[in-house]
Structure formats: C-alpha cells, structure tokens
Amino acid sequence: MTGRQAPTVLPPSLRTPLLLIAALAALMVVALGIRYAGHTLPDRVDEWIRSAVDGVQPPWRQIVLSTDFLGEPIGAAALVVAAVAGCLLLGRPRAAVLVVLGPGLAVAATRLLKPLVGRTIHDVHLSYPSGHTAFLTAFALALVLLAVGRPGLGTATGTLLVLAAAVVAGAVMGWAQVALAAHYPTDVLGGWGTALAVTPASAWLIDGTAHRHAARTADAGRPAQPR
C-alpha cells in the first residue's frame, strides 16, 4: 500500500463557494415550498413558461420522452451504474460514492418534501419539488466535480463550471417535465435547488468521513509508545 489518500470529491478551493451556494439553494427550496404549500393550480409565472413549451411535436417529443426516462428508476439506475464503473476505472472511489449518494439523497429529499408542501398537479399528484430534475442535476454535479478538482483550475472557473453543469442539466430535465405536464416550472426550480443544496453537502460528508477513517487507520497502525 502507498498510504496515499484518494482525491477529494469537493475540491478545497471550491468548498466555501459551493457550500454557500448549497445554503442559498436550500433557502430557496424552503421559500418556494412555503409559497406554494397546498396549491393545486399554477401561478402566473408557471402559466407563462408552460405556454411557451406546451404542445411539443415530433421529433422533439421523442427527445422529451427520452430525457424523462433518464429520471425514471431504470434510466437513472443505468446512468448511475455506468458512472460508478467509470469512476472506479479512473481510481476515484469517493467520486463513485458521490455518484450514488448525491442523486440518491436529492431524490429522497424531494420525496420527503412533497407531502410536507402538499402542492398537487392534475388534482392528485404531489408535484413540488421535481424529483426528476433533482436527480439529473445532482448526477451532473457529481460528474462535473470530477473535472473541477484538477490542479490549476481557479476557484471562479471551477465554480462557474459547476453552476453551468447544474443549469444545463436542470434546464433540460425541467423542459421535459413541463412539456409533459408532469410538473409546474416552479416545481422544476425547487428540484434544481434541492440538488444544489444536497450534492455539495454530500461531497463534504464523503470527504470528512474518508479523512476520519484514514486518521483512525493511521493511528491504529502506529506502534505503541513505550512507557
């Protein structure tokens, strides 16, 4: 064994800005949840955005359905398994854990929040926040954190890359959910914010746990000092 620790999944240079973004995203999710608690109809912003993407026709509808499939259990599992395999081949075990834990906790958070907020679409389906959007955004964040941890990448550039990945993934899945009338646009925003809140926190937790385990292992391997 070399004694070398695995690379962190939350780069030290990005730790402060990403955890700050996570905190702000969590506040946004809570604020939107309070705003739309118990609602059964879209508001003016929802209607305006929904009218712009309504009535998607082929071939765009097939793209919408394919995107939606990525958030379904089989599609999501396929993405995660492929990403875990890639992380392990690259020698990034912590990243492999994040690919599972980040999206998993993001989806779990949406499932916890939905009955608490109680917002419905089509009168029966709990809709806030969007679990599909949370999953794909968290998955994209986990992957981009693999790239932004390399040396020489500045804090500002790394933070912008992380936010860009989150925006693209959230926008793509959000478009699909609104086009399929599965969610209101503000549900999508809530799912996006959930992923932004959960994923950096998950990365920080993974690194902290790994560091503590390494420290305990090092202490156990040291010879006892003579008295």
Protein backbone atom coordinates (compact mmCIF):
# COMPACT_ATOMS: atom_id res chain seq x y z
CA MET A 1 0.00 0.00 0.00
CA THR A 2 1.22 3.52 -0.78
CA GLY A 3 -0.64 5.29 2.00
CA ARG A 4 -1.83 7.88 -0.49
CA GLN A 5 -5.35 9.12 0.16
CA ALA A 6 -7.98 9.10 -2.60
CA PRO A 7 -8.66 12.51 -4.21
CA THR A 8 -11.35 14.59 -2.58
CA VAL A 9 -14.70 14.99 -4.30
CA LEU A 10 -15.20 18.54 -3.02
CA PRO A 11 -12.07 20.44 -4.08
CA PRO A 12 -10.70 22.58 -1.20
CA SER A 13 -10.68 25.69 -3.41
CA LEU A 14 -14.39 25.27 -4.12
CA ARG A 15 -15.51 24.16 -0.68
CA THR A 16 -16.56 27.58 0.60
CA PRO A 17 -18.35 28.87 -2.53
CA LEU A 18 -20.18 25.60 -3.18
CA LEU A 19 -21.31 25.17 0.41
CA LEU A 20 -22.51 28.79 0.37
CA ILE A 21 -24.43 28.10 -2.84
CA ALA A 22 -25.85 24.97 -1.21
CA ALA A 23 -27.10 27.00 1.74
CA LEU A 24 -28.70 29.62 -0.53
CA ALA A 25 -30.30 26.88 -2.64
CA ALA A 26 -31.76 25.26 0.47
CA LEU A 27 -33.29 28.59 1.50
CA MET A 28 -34.80 28.97 -1.98
CA VAL A 29 -36.33 25.49 -1.82
CA VAL A 30 -37.86 26.24 1.57
CA ALA A 31 -39.15 29.64 0.45
CA LEU A 32 -40.78 28.20 -2.66
CA GLY A 33 -42.22 25.34 -0.62
CA ILE A 34 -43.85 27.81 1.75
CA ARG A 35 -45.07 29.93 -1.18
CA TYR A 36 -46.78 27.03 -2.95
CA ALA A 37 -47.84 24.91 0.01
CA GLY A 38 -51.23 23.37 -0.61
CA HIS A 39 -51.61 24.91 -4.08
CA THR A 40 -53.43 22.97 -6.79
CA LEU A 41 -53.07 25.42 -9.68
CA PRO A 42 -50.15 27.10 -11.48
CA ASP A 43 -49.43 30.77 -10.86
CA ARG A 44 -48.84 33.42 -13.50
CA VAL A 45 -45.13 32.58 -13.94
CA ASP A 46 -45.94 28.88 -14.29
CA GLU A 47 -48.58 29.57 -16.91
CA TRP A 48 -46.32 31.88 -18.91
CA ILE A 49 -43.46 29.37 -19.06
CA ARG A 50 -45.72 26.40 -19.63
CA SER A 51 -47.44 28.08 -22.57
CA ALA A 52 -44.04 28.55 -24.23
CA VAL A 53 -43.17 24.82 -24.18
CA ASP A 54 -46.63 23.32 -24.48
CA GLY A 55 -47.56 21.18 -27.45
CA VAL A 56 -44.16 19.65 -28.24
CA GLN A 57 -44.31 17.78 -31.55
CA PRO A 58 -42.10 15.08 -33.12
CA PRO A 59 -39.15 14.75 -33.21
CA TRP A 60 -38.88 16.93 -30.10
CA ARG A 61 -41.46 14.89 -28.24
CA GLN A 62 -39.30 11.78 -28.56
CA ILE A 63 -36.39 13.74 -27.11
CA VAL A 64 -38.63 14.87 -24.27
CA LEU A 65 -39.69 11.29 -23.53
CA SER A 66 -36.10 10.06 -23.68
CA THR A 67 -35.00 12.78 -21.27
CA ASP A 68 -37.83 11.94 -18.90
CA PHE A 69 -36.72 8.27 -18.99
CA LEU A 70 -33.36 9.28 -17.53
CA GLY A 71 -35.18 10.23 -14.35
CA GLU A 72 -37.20 7.02 -14.18
CA PRO A 73 -35.87 4.16 -12.00
CA ILE A 74 -34.44 2.07 -14.86
CA GLY A 75 -32.91 5.01 -16.72
CA ALA A 76 -31.49 6.54 -13.56
CA ALA A 77 -30.04 3.21 -12.42
CA ALA A 78 -28.34 2.73 -15.78
CA LEU A 79 -26.74 6.18 -15.58
CA VAL A 80 -25.53 5.64 -12.02
CA VAL A 81 -24.11 2.16 -12.69
CA ALA A 82 -22.21 3.41 -15.76
CA ALA A 83 -20.86 6.41 -13.84
CA VAL A 84 -19.80 4.29 -10.85
CA ALA A 85 -17.95 1.92 -13.16
CA GLY A 86 -16.19 4.85 -14.83
CA CYS A 87 -15.18 6.38 -11.50
CA LEU A 88 -13.73 3.11 -10.27
CA LEU A 89 -11.79 2.62 -13.52
CA LEU A 90 -10.34 6.12 -13.03
CA GLY A 91 -9.34 5.27 -9.47
CA ARG A 92 -11.84 7.69 -7.90
CA PRO A 93 -13.68 5.68 -5.22
CA ARG A 94 -15.01 8.76 -3.44
CA ALA A 95 -16.47 10.04 -6.70
CA ALA A 96 -18.15 6.65 -7.18
CA VAL A 97 -19.78 7.06 -3.76
CA LEU A 98 -20.89 10.61 -4.61
CA VAL A 99 -22.49 9.48 -7.88
CA VAL A 100 -24.72 7.22 -5.78
CA LEU A 101 -25.16 9.30 -2.64
CA GLY A 102 -25.69 12.75 -4.19
CA PRO A 103 -28.55 11.88 -6.56
CA GLY A 104 -29.96 9.38 -4.08
CA LEU A 105 -30.21 11.94 -1.27
CA ALA A 106 -31.53 14.60 -3.66
CA VAL A 107 -34.38 12.33 -4.77
CA ALA A 108 -35.02 11.26 -1.17
CA ALA A 109 -35.27 14.93 -0.16
CA THR A 110 -37.87 15.62 -2.86
CA ARG A 111 -39.92 12.66 -1.70
CA LEU A 112 -39.78 13.93 1.86
CA LEU A 113 -40.73 17.47 0.86
CA LYS A 114 -43.64 16.60 -1.43
CA PRO A 115 -46.11 15.56 1.28
CA LEU A 116 -44.91 18.37 3.54
CA VAL A 117 -45.56 21.02 0.88
CA GLY A 118 -48.70 19.35 -0.43
CA ARG A 119 -48.73 21.01 -3.84
CA THR A 120 -50.54 18.97 -6.49
CA ILE A 121 -50.81 18.87 -10.26
CA HIS A 122 -53.83 17.40 -12.07
CA ASP A 123 -55.51 17.49 -8.64
CA VAL A 124 -53.91 14.24 -7.43
CA HIS A 125 -50.14 14.09 -8.00
CA LEU A 126 -47.79 15.70 -5.48
CA SER A 127 -45.51 17.89 -7.55
CA TYR A 128 -43.15 20.09 -5.50
CA PRO A 129 -40.22 19.69 -5.85
CA SER A 130 -39.48 17.75 -9.05
CA GLY A 131 -37.62 14.52 -8.32
CA HIS A 132 -36.62 14.01 -11.96
CA THR A 133 -34.98 17.43 -12.09
CA ALA A 134 -33.28 16.88 -8.75
CA PHE A 135 -31.84 13.57 -9.92
CA LEU A 136 -30.36 14.71 -13.23
CA THR A 137 -28.99 17.94 -11.73
CA ALA A 138 -27.35 16.09 -8.83
CA PHE A 139 -25.96 13.49 -11.22
CA ALA A 140 -24.44 16.20 -13.43
CA LEU A 141 -22.97 17.93 -10.37
CA ALA A 142 -21.36 14.70 -9.20
CA LEU A 143 -19.75 14.22 -12.60
CA VAL A 144 -18.52 17.78 -13.02
CA LEU A 145 -16.87 17.68 -9.60
CA LEU A 146 -14.58 15.01 -11.09
CA ALA A 147 -13.27 17.57 -13.58
CA VAL A 148 -13.05 20.72 -11.47
CA GLY A 149 -10.77 19.13 -8.88
CA ARG A 150 -7.73 19.06 -11.14
CA PRO A 151 -4.80 21.38 -10.25
CA GLY A 152 -4.56 24.75 -11.93
CA LEU A 153 -8.29 25.36 -12.19
CA GLY A 154 -9.15 28.56 -10.32
CA THR A 155 -11.95 28.97 -7.82
CA ALA A 156 -14.01 31.24 -10.07
CA THR A 157 -13.65 28.99 -13.12
CA GLY A 158 -14.42 25.85 -11.14
CA THR A 159 -17.49 27.41 -9.54
CA LEU A 160 -18.76 28.60 -12.92
CA LEU A 161 -18.30 25.13 -14.42
CA VAL A 162 -20.24 23.56 -11.57
CA LEU A 163 -23.08 26.07 -11.92
CA ALA A 164 -23.11 25.68 -15.71
CA ALA A 165 -23.47 21.91 -15.40
CA ALA A 166 -26.30 22.34 -12.91
CA VAL A 167 -28.09 24.87 -15.11
CA VAL A 168 -27.84 22.75 -18.26
CA ALA A 169 -28.97 19.52 -16.58
CA GLY A 170 -31.77 21.26 -14.70
CA ALA A 171 -32.96 23.12 -17.79
CA VAL A 172 -33.00 20.00 -19.97
CA MET A 173 -34.90 17.84 -17.50
CA GLY A 174 -37.09 20.76 -16.42
CA TRP A 175 -38.09 21.38 -20.03
CA ALA A 176 -39.07 17.73 -20.38
CA GLN A 177 -41.14 17.76 -17.20
CA VAL A 178 -43.02 20.93 -18.09
CA ALA A 179 -43.53 19.83 -21.71
CA LEU A 180 -45.05 16.55 -20.46
CA ALA A 181 -47.21 18.48 -17.97
CA ALA A 182 -45.71 16.38 -15.19
CA HIS A 183 -44.62 19.43 -13.19
CA TYR A 184 -45.08 23.17 -12.95
CA PRO A 185 -41.99 25.25 -13.80
CA THR A 186 -41.65 26.27 -10.16
CA ASP A 187 -41.61 22.58 -9.19
CA VAL A 188 -38.64 22.22 -11.53
CA LEU A 189 -36.90 25.16 -9.86
CA GLY A 190 -37.46 23.51 -6.49
CA GLY A 191 -35.96 20.23 -7.72
CA TRP A 192 -32.97 22.07 -9.16
CA GLY A 193 -32.40 23.87 -5.88
CA THR A 194 -32.69 20.61 -3.94
CA ALA A 195 -29.86 19.10 -5.97
CA LEU A 196 -27.71 22.20 -5.50
CA ALA A 197 -28.31 22.05 -1.76
CA VAL A 198 -27.74 18.31 -1.31
CA THR A 199 -24.87 17.44 -3.64
CA PRO A 200 -22.08 19.72 -2.27
CA ALA A 201 -23.14 18.75 1.25
CA SER A 202 -22.92 15.06 0.27
CA ALA A 203 -19.43 15.60 -1.17
CA TRP A 204 -18.33 17.37 2.02
CA LEU A 205 -19.73 14.49 4.10
CA ILE A 206 -17.92 11.87 1.99
CA ASP A 207 -14.58 13.67 2.27
CA GLY A 208 -14.97 14.20 6.01
CA THR A 209 -15.86 10.56 6.61
CA ALA A 210 -12.93 9.36 4.49
CA HIS A 211 -10.49 11.67 6.30
CA ARG A 212 -11.64 10.46 9.71
CA HIS A 213 -11.36 6.83 8.61
CA ALA A 214 -7.84 7.44 7.28
CA ALA A 215 -6.83 9.12 10.53
CA ARG A 216 -8.15 6.23 12.63
CA THR A 217 -6.38 3.72 10.38
CA ALA A 218 -3.10 5.65 10.67
CA ASP A 219 -3.41 5.80 14.46
CA ALA A 220 -4.10 2.07 14.66
CA GLY A 221 -1.03 1.31 12.55
CA ARG A 222 1.40 3.26 14.72
CA PRO A 223 3.45 1.19 17.20
CA ALA A 224 2.62 1.71 20.83
CA GLN A 225 4.93 4.10 22.61
CA PRO A 226 6.94 2.59 25.47
CA ARG A 227 6.06 3.87 28.91
